Amino acid sequence: SSSTGAVEMGPDGLILIGKEDDIKKSGRVTAKVDGREVVVFYHEGKFHALDSRCYRKIFRHILSILFSKKTQKPMTCYSFFFLQDIDGQACIVCPWHKYRITLETGEGLYEGINPLEPSPMPKWQSKGVKQRIHKITIDNGNVYVSPPNLSVRFDSDYFVEKYKNSGDLAM
């Protein structure tokens, strides 16, 4: 099951998200980090953290439906939003708009062709970094997230700021 953690500070100003084993079991957890809704995924042996407010906003809406308290057993991100491997990169995919966001870098990906090529074949290309990712640290079985470096802006920051004081977590 998922959980939303209370913010606790750890070493070097890191924010405690939860226990490593608990997050591995559930596959993900959400928490507020400096007022931001952050989701931490555990996928194929790695932890990934990113803003839960998508650069296209719909991500938050779908995830709030997915993990509503109306269900007896919370669905996993694999049930609706799904994870897909694209050219060796784990991506979360919106089922409605098919937006693909890499978990490692926050890049938006699209499949495009170059019409000037003699036999144009679709290739995965980057739209650039759209989604803010957060650095994860594991220490003594605890998972920590670094506070965001806000000196660089990303598209997801718009919706994070717009809904920062809503008081509820996306999931």
N, C-alpha and C. Protein backbone atom coordinates (compact mmCIF):
# COMPACT_ATOMS: atom_id res chain seq x y z
N SER A 1 0.84 -1.19 0.00
CA SER A 1 0.00 0.00 0.00
C SER A 1 0.87 1.24 0.00
N SER A 2 0.30 2.32 -0.39
CA SER A 2 1.07 3.56 -0.44
C SER A 2 0.95 4.29 0.88
N SER A 3 1.81 5.26 1.04
CA SER A 3 1.71 6.09 2.23
C SER A 3 2.16 7.49 1.89
N THR A 4 1.74 8.41 2.69
CA THR A 4 2.21 9.78 2.54
C THR A 4 2.92 10.11 3.83
N GLY A 5 4.17 10.43 3.71
CA GLY A 5 4.99 10.57 4.89
C GLY A 5 4.97 11.96 5.49
N ALA A 6 5.14 12.01 6.80
CA ALA A 6 5.37 13.27 7.48
C ALA A 6 6.83 13.63 7.24
N VAL A 7 7.10 14.90 7.09
CA VAL A 7 8.45 15.32 6.76
C VAL A 7 9.34 15.28 7.99
N GLU A 8 10.42 14.54 7.86
CA GLU A 8 11.45 14.49 8.89
C GLU A 8 12.77 14.77 8.22
N MET A 9 13.60 15.56 8.89
CA MET A 9 14.90 15.90 8.33
C MET A 9 15.90 14.82 8.69
N GLY A 10 16.77 14.55 7.76
CA GLY A 10 17.83 13.57 7.97
C GLY A 10 19.18 14.23 7.88
N PRO A 11 20.21 13.42 7.61
CA PRO A 11 21.56 13.97 7.52
C PRO A 11 21.68 14.98 6.38
N ASP A 12 22.46 16.02 6.62
CA ASP A 12 22.77 17.04 5.61
C ASP A 12 21.53 17.71 5.01
N GLY A 13 20.46 17.86 5.79
CA GLY A 13 19.27 18.54 5.30
C GLY A 13 18.40 17.71 4.38
N LEU A 14 18.69 16.41 4.26
CA LEU A 14 17.87 15.53 3.44
C LEU A 14 16.53 15.29 4.13
N ILE A 15 15.51 14.99 3.34
CA ILE A 15 14.17 14.80 3.88
C ILE A 15 13.83 13.31 3.84
N LEU A 16 13.51 12.77 5.02
CA LEU A 16 13.17 11.35 5.14
C LEU A 16 11.83 11.10 4.47
N ILE A 17 11.82 10.12 3.55
CA ILE A 17 10.60 9.75 2.84
C ILE A 17 9.98 8.50 3.43
N GLY A 18 10.81 7.53 3.80
CA GLY A 18 10.28 6.29 4.35
C GLY A 18 11.34 5.23 4.46
N LYS A 19 10.92 4.06 4.87
CA LYS A 19 11.81 2.90 4.99
C LYS A 19 12.01 2.26 3.63
N GLU A 20 13.24 1.90 3.35
CA GLU A 20 13.60 1.29 2.07
C GLU A 20 12.73 0.06 1.78
N ASP A 21 12.60 -0.85 2.74
CA ASP A 21 11.84 -2.08 2.51
C ASP A 21 10.36 -1.80 2.25
N ASP A 22 9.80 -0.83 2.94
CA ASP A 22 8.38 -0.49 2.74
C ASP A 22 8.14 0.03 1.33
N ILE A 23 9.03 0.88 0.85
CA ILE A 23 8.87 1.44 -0.49
C ILE A 23 9.09 0.37 -1.54
N LYS A 24 10.03 -0.53 -1.30
CA LYS A 24 10.24 -1.64 -2.24
C LYS A 24 8.98 -2.49 -2.36
N LYS A 25 8.31 -2.74 -1.25
CA LYS A 25 7.09 -3.57 -1.26
C LYS A 25 5.95 -2.89 -2.00
N SER A 26 5.74 -1.61 -1.72
CA SER A 26 4.61 -0.91 -2.32
C SER A 26 4.89 -0.44 -3.75
N GLY A 27 6.16 -0.27 -4.08
CA GLY A 27 6.51 0.20 -5.42
C GLY A 27 6.60 1.71 -5.53
N ARG A 28 5.97 2.42 -4.58
CA ARG A 28 6.03 3.87 -4.61
C ARG A 28 5.49 4.45 -3.30
N VAL A 29 5.85 5.71 -3.07
CA VAL A 29 5.36 6.46 -1.92
C VAL A 29 5.35 7.94 -2.30
N THR A 30 4.47 8.71 -1.69
CA THR A 30 4.45 10.14 -1.93
C THR A 30 4.70 10.89 -0.64
N ALA A 31 5.20 12.09 -0.78
CA ALA A 31 5.46 12.94 0.38
C ALA A 31 5.58 14.38 -0.09
N LYS A 32 5.52 15.29 0.85
CA LYS A 32 5.77 16.70 0.53
C LYS A 32 7.22 16.99 0.87
N VAL A 33 7.91 17.60 -0.07
CA VAL A 33 9.30 17.98 0.08
C VAL A 33 9.37 19.48 -0.22
N ASP A 34 9.62 20.27 0.82
CA ASP A 34 9.63 21.73 0.67
C ASP A 34 8.35 22.23 0.00
N GLY A 35 7.21 21.66 0.41
CA GLY A 35 5.92 22.08 -0.13
C GLY A 35 5.56 21.46 -1.47
N ARG A 36 6.44 20.66 -2.04
CA ARG A 36 6.21 20.03 -3.33
C ARG A 36 5.71 18.61 -3.12
N GLU A 37 4.79 18.17 -3.95
CA GLU A 37 4.37 16.78 -3.94
C GLU A 37 5.38 15.98 -4.74
N VAL A 38 6.00 15.02 -4.09
CA VAL A 38 7.04 14.20 -4.74
C VAL A 38 6.62 12.74 -4.65
N VAL A 39 6.80 12.02 -5.74
CA VAL A 39 6.54 10.58 -5.75
C VAL A 39 7.87 9.87 -5.92
N VAL A 40 8.07 8.84 -5.10
CA VAL A 40 9.29 8.02 -5.17
C VAL A 40 8.87 6.64 -5.68
N PHE A 41 9.46 6.22 -6.79
CA PHE A 41 9.21 4.90 -7.37
C PHE A 41 10.38 3.99 -7.08
N TYR A 42 10.07 2.72 -6.88
CA TYR A 42 11.10 1.68 -6.85
C TYR A 42 10.81 0.80 -8.05
N HIS A 43 11.75 0.75 -8.99
CA HIS A 43 11.53 0.02 -10.24
C HIS A 43 12.83 -0.64 -10.68
N GLU A 44 12.77 -1.94 -10.87
CA GLU A 44 13.91 -2.72 -11.35
C GLU A 44 15.19 -2.44 -10.57
N GLY A 45 15.07 -2.46 -9.24
CA GLY A 45 16.24 -2.33 -8.38
C GLY A 45 16.73 -0.91 -8.14
N LYS A 46 15.99 0.10 -8.62
CA LYS A 46 16.42 1.48 -8.45
C LYS A 46 15.28 2.34 -7.92
N PHE A 47 15.67 3.34 -7.14
CA PHE A 47 14.72 4.34 -6.66
C PHE A 47 14.78 5.56 -7.58
N HIS A 48 13.62 6.14 -7.84
CA HIS A 48 13.51 7.35 -8.65
C HIS A 48 12.54 8.28 -7.95
N ALA A 49 12.81 9.58 -7.97
CA ALA A 49 11.89 10.55 -7.37
C ALA A 49 11.64 11.68 -8.36
N LEU A 50 10.38 12.06 -8.49
CA LEU A 50 10.04 13.17 -9.36
C LEU A 50 8.81 13.87 -8.81
N ASP A 51 8.60 15.11 -9.28
CA ASP A 51 7.40 15.84 -8.90
C ASP A 51 6.18 15.02 -9.31
N SER A 52 5.17 14.97 -8.43
CA SER A 52 3.97 14.23 -8.79
C SER A 52 3.03 15.07 -9.64
N ARG A 53 3.30 16.35 -9.75
CA ARG A 53 2.54 17.22 -10.64
C ARG A 53 3.24 17.22 -11.99
N CYS A 54 2.61 16.62 -12.96
CA CYS A 54 3.20 16.50 -14.29
C CYS A 54 3.30 17.86 -14.97
N TYR A 55 4.21 17.95 -15.90
CA TYR A 55 4.33 19.17 -16.69
C TYR A 55 3.08 19.37 -17.55
N ARG A 56 2.22 18.38 -17.62
CA ARG A 56 0.95 18.51 -18.33
C ARG A 56 -0.25 18.42 -17.39
N LYS A 57 -0.02 18.50 -16.09
CA LYS A 57 -1.02 18.53 -15.03
C LYS A 57 -1.86 17.26 -14.93
N ILE A 58 -2.22 16.63 -16.02
CA ILE A 58 -3.13 15.50 -15.99
C ILE A 58 -2.58 14.35 -15.14
N PHE A 59 -1.26 14.25 -15.04
CA PHE A 59 -0.61 13.22 -14.22
C PHE A 59 -1.17 13.22 -12.81
N ARG A 60 -1.30 14.37 -12.21
CA ARG A 60 -1.80 14.48 -10.84
C ARG A 60 -3.23 13.99 -10.77
N HIS A 61 -4.04 14.37 -11.73
CA HIS A 61 -5.44 13.98 -11.72
C HIS A 61 -5.60 12.47 -11.82
N ILE A 62 -4.89 11.86 -12.73
CA ILE A 62 -5.00 10.42 -12.90
C ILE A 62 -4.51 9.69 -11.66
N LEU A 63 -3.40 10.13 -11.10
CA LEU A 63 -2.87 9.46 -9.93
C LEU A 63 -3.79 9.63 -8.73
N SER A 64 -4.48 10.74 -8.63
CA SER A 64 -5.40 10.91 -7.50
C SER A 64 -6.58 9.96 -7.64
N ILE A 65 -7.01 9.68 -8.87
CA ILE A 65 -8.07 8.70 -9.10
C ILE A 65 -7.55 7.30 -8.79
N LEU A 66 -6.36 7.03 -9.30
CA LEU A 66 -5.73 5.72 -9.13
C LEU A 66 -5.63 5.30 -7.67
N PHE A 67 -5.19 6.21 -6.84
CA PHE A 67 -4.88 5.88 -5.47
C PHE A 67 -5.89 6.47 -4.50
N SER A 68 -7.13 6.64 -4.96
CA SER A 68 -8.14 7.20 -4.06
C SER A 68 -8.41 6.21 -2.94
N LYS A 69 -8.90 6.72 -1.85
CA LYS A 69 -9.16 5.89 -0.68
C LYS A 69 -10.45 5.08 -0.84
N LYS A 70 -11.12 5.21 -1.97
CA LYS A 70 -12.35 4.46 -2.20
C LYS A 70 -12.08 2.98 -2.45
N THR A 71 -10.90 2.65 -2.90
CA THR A 71 -10.59 1.25 -3.18
C THR A 71 -10.07 0.58 -1.92
N GLN A 72 -10.42 -0.67 -1.76
CA GLN A 72 -9.93 -1.44 -0.62
C GLN A 72 -8.43 -1.64 -0.72
N LYS A 73 -7.98 -1.99 -1.90
CA LYS A 73 -6.57 -2.26 -2.12
C LYS A 73 -6.05 -1.25 -3.14
N PRO A 74 -5.13 -0.37 -2.76
CA PRO A 74 -4.63 0.62 -3.71
C PRO A 74 -4.02 -0.05 -4.94
N MET A 75 -4.32 0.53 -6.09
CA MET A 75 -3.75 0.02 -7.33
C MET A 75 -2.31 0.50 -7.42
N THR A 76 -1.49 -0.21 -8.15
CA THR A 76 -0.11 0.24 -8.33
C THR A 76 -0.03 1.12 -9.57
N CYS A 77 1.10 1.83 -9.69
CA CYS A 77 1.29 2.68 -10.85
C CYS A 77 1.25 1.86 -12.13
N TYR A 78 1.51 0.56 -12.03
CA TYR A 78 1.51 -0.30 -13.20
C TYR A 78 0.09 -0.54 -13.71
N SER A 79 -0.93 -0.29 -12.88
CA SER A 79 -2.30 -0.59 -13.25
C SER A 79 -2.88 0.42 -14.22
N PHE A 80 -2.43 1.64 -14.19
CA PHE A 80 -3.04 2.68 -14.99
C PHE A 80 -1.97 3.43 -15.73
N PHE A 81 -1.21 4.21 -15.00
CA PHE A 81 0.03 4.73 -15.55
C PHE A 81 0.91 3.51 -15.61
N PHE A 82 1.62 3.33 -16.66
CA PHE A 82 2.47 2.17 -16.68
C PHE A 82 3.90 2.57 -16.97
N LEU A 83 4.79 1.71 -16.58
CA LEU A 83 6.20 1.94 -16.83
C LEU A 83 6.59 1.19 -18.10
N GLN A 84 7.39 1.83 -18.91
CA GLN A 84 7.79 1.26 -20.18
C GLN A 84 9.27 1.50 -20.38
N ASP A 85 9.96 0.52 -20.90
CA ASP A 85 11.37 0.67 -21.24
C ASP A 85 11.46 1.22 -22.66
N ILE A 86 12.12 2.35 -22.81
CA ILE A 86 12.30 2.97 -24.13
C ILE A 86 13.79 3.19 -24.32
N ASP A 87 14.35 2.47 -25.26
CA ASP A 87 15.79 2.58 -25.54
C ASP A 87 16.63 2.47 -24.27
N GLY A 88 16.26 1.53 -23.39
CA GLY A 88 17.02 1.29 -22.17
C GLY A 88 16.72 2.25 -21.03
N GLN A 89 15.70 3.10 -21.19
CA GLN A 89 15.33 4.06 -20.15
C GLN A 89 13.95 3.71 -19.60
N ALA A 90 13.84 3.65 -18.27
CA ALA A 90 12.54 3.43 -17.64
C ALA A 90 11.75 4.72 -17.75
N CYS A 91 10.52 4.62 -18.25
CA CYS A 91 9.67 5.79 -18.42
C CYS A 91 8.30 5.53 -17.82
N ILE A 92 7.69 6.57 -17.29
CA ILE A 92 6.30 6.50 -16.88
C ILE A 92 5.50 7.04 -18.05
N VAL A 93 4.37 6.37 -18.36
CA VAL A 93 3.60 6.71 -19.55
C VAL A 93 2.16 7.04 -19.16
N CYS A 94 1.68 8.18 -19.62
CA CYS A 94 0.29 8.57 -19.41
C CYS A 94 -0.57 7.76 -20.37
N PRO A 95 -1.59 7.04 -19.86
CA PRO A 95 -2.42 6.22 -20.74
C PRO A 95 -3.33 7.03 -21.65
N TRP A 96 -3.62 8.27 -21.28
CA TRP A 96 -4.53 9.09 -22.08
C TRP A 96 -3.79 9.84 -23.19
N HIS A 97 -2.70 10.49 -22.83
CA HIS A 97 -1.98 11.32 -23.80
C HIS A 97 -0.72 10.68 -24.33
N LYS A 98 -0.34 9.56 -23.72
CA LYS A 98 0.86 8.81 -24.13
C LYS A 98 2.15 9.60 -23.92
N TYR A 99 2.12 10.60 -23.03
CA TYR A 99 3.35 11.29 -22.68
C TYR A 99 4.29 10.30 -22.01
N ARG A 100 5.53 10.36 -22.36
CA ARG A 100 6.54 9.49 -21.77
C ARG A 100 7.58 10.36 -21.08
N ILE A 101 7.80 10.07 -19.80
CA ILE A 101 8.75 10.84 -19.00
C ILE A 101 9.75 9.86 -18.42
N THR A 102 11.03 10.12 -18.66
CA THR A 102 12.05 9.21 -18.13
C THR A 102 12.16 9.39 -16.62
N LEU A 103 12.25 8.28 -15.91
CA LEU A 103 12.38 8.35 -14.46
C LEU A 103 13.76 8.84 -14.04
N GLU A 104 14.75 8.58 -14.85
CA GLU A 104 16.14 8.92 -14.52
C GLU A 104 16.44 10.41 -14.69
N THR A 105 15.91 11.02 -15.76
CA THR A 105 16.29 12.40 -16.08
C THR A 105 15.13 13.39 -16.10
N GLY A 106 13.88 12.90 -16.19
CA GLY A 106 12.73 13.79 -16.29
C GLY A 106 12.47 14.30 -17.70
N GLU A 107 13.15 13.71 -18.67
CA GLU A 107 12.96 14.13 -20.07
C GLU A 107 11.63 13.64 -20.60
N GLY A 108 11.00 14.46 -21.42
CA GLY A 108 9.83 14.04 -22.17
C GLY A 108 10.33 13.43 -23.48
N LEU A 109 9.78 12.28 -23.85
CA LEU A 109 10.19 11.62 -25.08
C LEU A 109 9.04 11.57 -26.08
N TYR A 110 9.38 11.61 -27.35
CA TYR A 110 8.38 11.43 -28.40
C TYR A 110 9.02 10.65 -29.53
N GLU A 111 8.18 9.99 -30.31
CA GLU A 111 8.66 9.23 -31.44
C GLU A 111 8.43 10.05 -32.70
N GLY A 112 9.50 10.35 -33.39
CA GLY A 112 9.38 11.19 -34.57
C GLY A 112 10.23 10.66 -35.72
N ILE A 113 9.96 11.20 -36.89
CA ILE A 113 10.73 10.82 -38.07
C ILE A 113 11.35 12.07 -38.69
N ASN A 114 12.42 11.85 -39.43
CA ASN A 114 13.04 12.91 -40.21
C ASN A 114 12.61 12.69 -41.66
N PRO A 115 11.71 13.51 -42.18
CA PRO A 115 11.20 13.29 -43.54
C PRO A 115 12.26 13.45 -44.62
N LEU A 116 13.41 14.03 -44.25
CA LEU A 116 14.47 14.20 -45.24
C LEU A 116 15.31 12.94 -45.44
N GLU A 117 15.15 11.95 -44.54
CA GLU A 117 15.88 10.69 -44.69
C GLU A 117 15.25 9.90 -45.84
N PRO A 118 16.07 9.13 -46.58
CA PRO A 118 15.54 8.35 -47.70
C PRO A 118 14.45 7.36 -47.27
N SER A 119 14.64 6.68 -46.16
CA SER A 119 13.65 5.76 -45.62
C SER A 119 13.40 6.15 -44.17
N PRO A 120 12.56 7.17 -43.95
CA PRO A 120 12.39 7.65 -42.58
C PRO A 120 11.80 6.57 -41.66
N MET A 121 12.49 6.35 -40.57
CA MET A 121 12.06 5.41 -39.55
C MET A 121 11.82 6.19 -38.26
N PRO A 122 10.74 5.89 -37.54
CA PRO A 122 10.52 6.58 -36.26
C PRO A 122 11.64 6.29 -35.27
N LYS A 123 12.06 7.32 -34.57
CA LYS A 123 13.10 7.20 -33.54
C LYS A 123 12.65 7.99 -32.32
N TRP A 124 13.04 7.49 -31.14
CA TRP A 124 12.73 8.20 -29.91
C TRP A 124 13.63 9.41 -29.78
N GLN A 125 13.02 10.55 -29.50
CA GLN A 125 13.74 11.80 -29.37
C GLN A 125 13.30 12.52 -28.11
N SER A 126 14.15 13.40 -27.63
CA SER A 126 13.87 14.12 -26.38
C SER A 126 13.22 15.46 -26.66
N LYS A 127 12.23 15.79 -25.81
CA LYS A 127 11.65 17.13 -25.81
C LYS A 127 12.43 18.03 -24.87
N GLY A 128 13.42 17.45 -24.18
CA GLY A 128 14.15 18.16 -23.14
C GLY A 128 13.60 17.76 -21.79
N VAL A 129 14.25 18.23 -20.75
CA VAL A 129 13.80 17.90 -19.40
C VAL A 129 12.54 18.70 -19.11
N LYS A 130 11.47 17.97 -18.83
CA LYS A 130 10.16 18.58 -18.57
C LYS A 130 9.75 18.43 -17.11
N GLN A 131 10.17 17.34 -16.50
CA GLN A 131 9.73 16.98 -15.16
C GLN A 131 10.91 17.08 -14.19
N ARG A 132 10.70 17.76 -13.07
CA ARG A 132 11.77 17.86 -12.07
C ARG A 132 11.95 16.51 -11.40
N ILE A 133 13.20 16.06 -11.37
CA ILE A 133 13.53 14.86 -10.62
C ILE A 133 14.25 15.27 -9.35
N HIS A 134 14.30 14.38 -8.38
CA HIS A 134 14.90 14.67 -7.09
C HIS A 134 15.92 13.59 -6.76
N LYS A 135 17.02 13.99 -6.16
CA LYS A 135 18.10 13.07 -5.80
C LYS A 135 17.67 12.23 -4.60
N ILE A 136 17.89 10.92 -4.71
CA ILE A 136 17.57 9.96 -3.65
C ILE A 136 18.86 9.55 -2.95
N THR A 137 18.79 9.43 -1.63
CA THR A 137 19.90 8.90 -0.82
C THR A 137 19.35 7.82 0.08
N ILE A 138 20.04 6.68 0.13
CA ILE A 138 19.67 5.58 1.02
C ILE A 138 20.71 5.54 2.14
N ASP A 139 20.24 5.56 3.40
CA ASP A 139 21.15 5.54 4.54
C ASP A 139 20.51 4.73 5.66
N ASN A 140 21.17 3.66 6.07
CA ASN A 140 20.69 2.80 7.17
C ASN A 140 19.25 2.35 6.98
N GLY A 141 18.88 1.97 5.76
CA GLY A 141 17.53 1.47 5.49
C GLY A 141 16.47 2.54 5.33
N ASN A 142 16.87 3.80 5.36
CA ASN A 142 15.94 4.92 5.16
C ASN A 142 16.16 5.54 3.79
N VAL A 143 15.08 6.02 3.20
CA VAL A 143 15.14 6.68 1.89
C VAL A 143 14.94 8.17 2.12
N TYR A 144 15.87 8.95 1.61
CA TYR A 144 15.84 10.41 1.74
C TYR A 144 15.80 11.05 0.35
N VAL A 145 15.18 12.23 0.29
CA VAL A 145 15.17 13.03 -0.94
C VAL A 145 15.83 14.36 -0.62
N SER A 146 16.66 14.82 -1.55
CA SER A 146 17.29 16.14 -1.40
C SER A 146 16.28 17.22 -1.73
N PRO A 147 16.32 18.33 -1.00
CA PRO A 147 15.47 19.47 -1.38
C PRO A 147 15.81 19.90 -2.81
N PRO A 148 14.83 20.39 -3.57
CA PRO A 148 15.09 20.74 -4.96
C PRO A 148 15.99 21.97 -5.10
N ASN A 149 16.77 21.97 -6.17
CA ASN A 149 17.58 23.12 -6.54
C ASN A 149 16.72 23.98 -7.46
N LEU A 150 16.17 25.05 -6.94
CA LEU A 150 15.22 25.85 -7.70
C LEU A 150 15.88 26.91 -8.58
N SER A 151 17.20 26.87 -8.69
CA SER A 151 17.88 27.83 -9.57
C SER A 151 17.67 27.47 -11.04
N VAL A 152 17.24 26.24 -11.30
CA VAL A 152 16.92 25.80 -12.66
C VAL A 152 15.43 25.51 -12.70
N ARG A 153 14.73 25.99 -13.74
CA ARG A 153 13.28 25.81 -13.85
C ARG A 153 12.94 24.70 -14.84
N PHE A 154 11.85 23.98 -14.53
CA PHE A 154 11.34 22.93 -15.41
C PHE A 154 9.85 23.17 -15.63
N ASP A 155 9.30 22.58 -16.68
CA ASP A 155 7.88 22.77 -16.99
C ASP A 155 6.98 22.33 -15.84
N SER A 156 7.35 21.26 -15.13
CA SER A 156 6.51 20.76 -14.02
C SER A 156 6.42 21.77 -12.87
N ASP A 157 7.38 22.68 -12.78
CA ASP A 157 7.36 23.68 -11.69
C ASP A 157 6.11 24.56 -11.73
N TYR A 158 5.57 24.80 -12.92
CA TYR A 158 4.39 25.65 -13.04
C TYR A 158 3.24 25.08 -12.21
N PHE A 159 2.93 23.78 -12.40
CA PHE A 159 1.80 23.18 -11.68
C PHE A 159 2.12 22.92 -10.22
N VAL A 160 3.39 22.68 -9.92
CA VAL A 160 3.79 22.54 -8.51
C VAL A 160 3.47 23.83 -7.77
N GLU A 161 3.86 24.95 -8.35
CA GLU A 161 3.63 26.24 -7.69
C GLU A 161 2.15 26.61 -7.67
N LYS A 162 1.45 26.29 -8.72
CA LYS A 162 0.03 26.61 -8.80
C LYS A 162 -0.76 25.89 -7.70
N TYR A 163 -0.39 24.65 -7.40
CA TYR A 163 -1.13 23.84 -6.45
C TYR A 163 -0.38 23.61 -5.14
N LYS A 164 0.68 24.37 -4.91
CA LYS A 164 1.54 24.13 -3.74
C LYS A 164 0.78 24.21 -2.42
N ASN A 165 -0.18 25.06 -2.31
CA ASN A 165 -0.88 25.23 -1.04
C ASN A 165 -2.22 24.52 -1.01
N SER A 166 -2.44 23.53 -1.90
CA SER A 166 -3.72 22.84 -1.93
C SER A 166 -3.94 21.97 -0.70
N GLY A 167 -2.86 21.58 -0.03
CA GLY A 167 -2.98 20.83 1.21
C GLY A 167 -3.12 19.34 1.06
N ASP A 168 -3.34 18.85 -0.15
CA ASP A 168 -3.47 17.40 -0.31
C ASP A 168 -2.39 16.89 -1.23
N LEU A 169 -2.01 15.64 -1.04
CA LEU A 169 -1.02 15.02 -1.90
C LEU A 169 -1.71 14.49 -3.14
N ALA A 170 -0.97 14.43 -4.22
CA ALA A 170 -1.53 13.98 -5.48
C ALA A 170 -2.01 12.54 -5.41
N MET A 171 -1.36 11.73 -4.62
CA MET A 171 -1.76 10.32 -4.60
C MET A 171 -2.25 9.97 -3.23
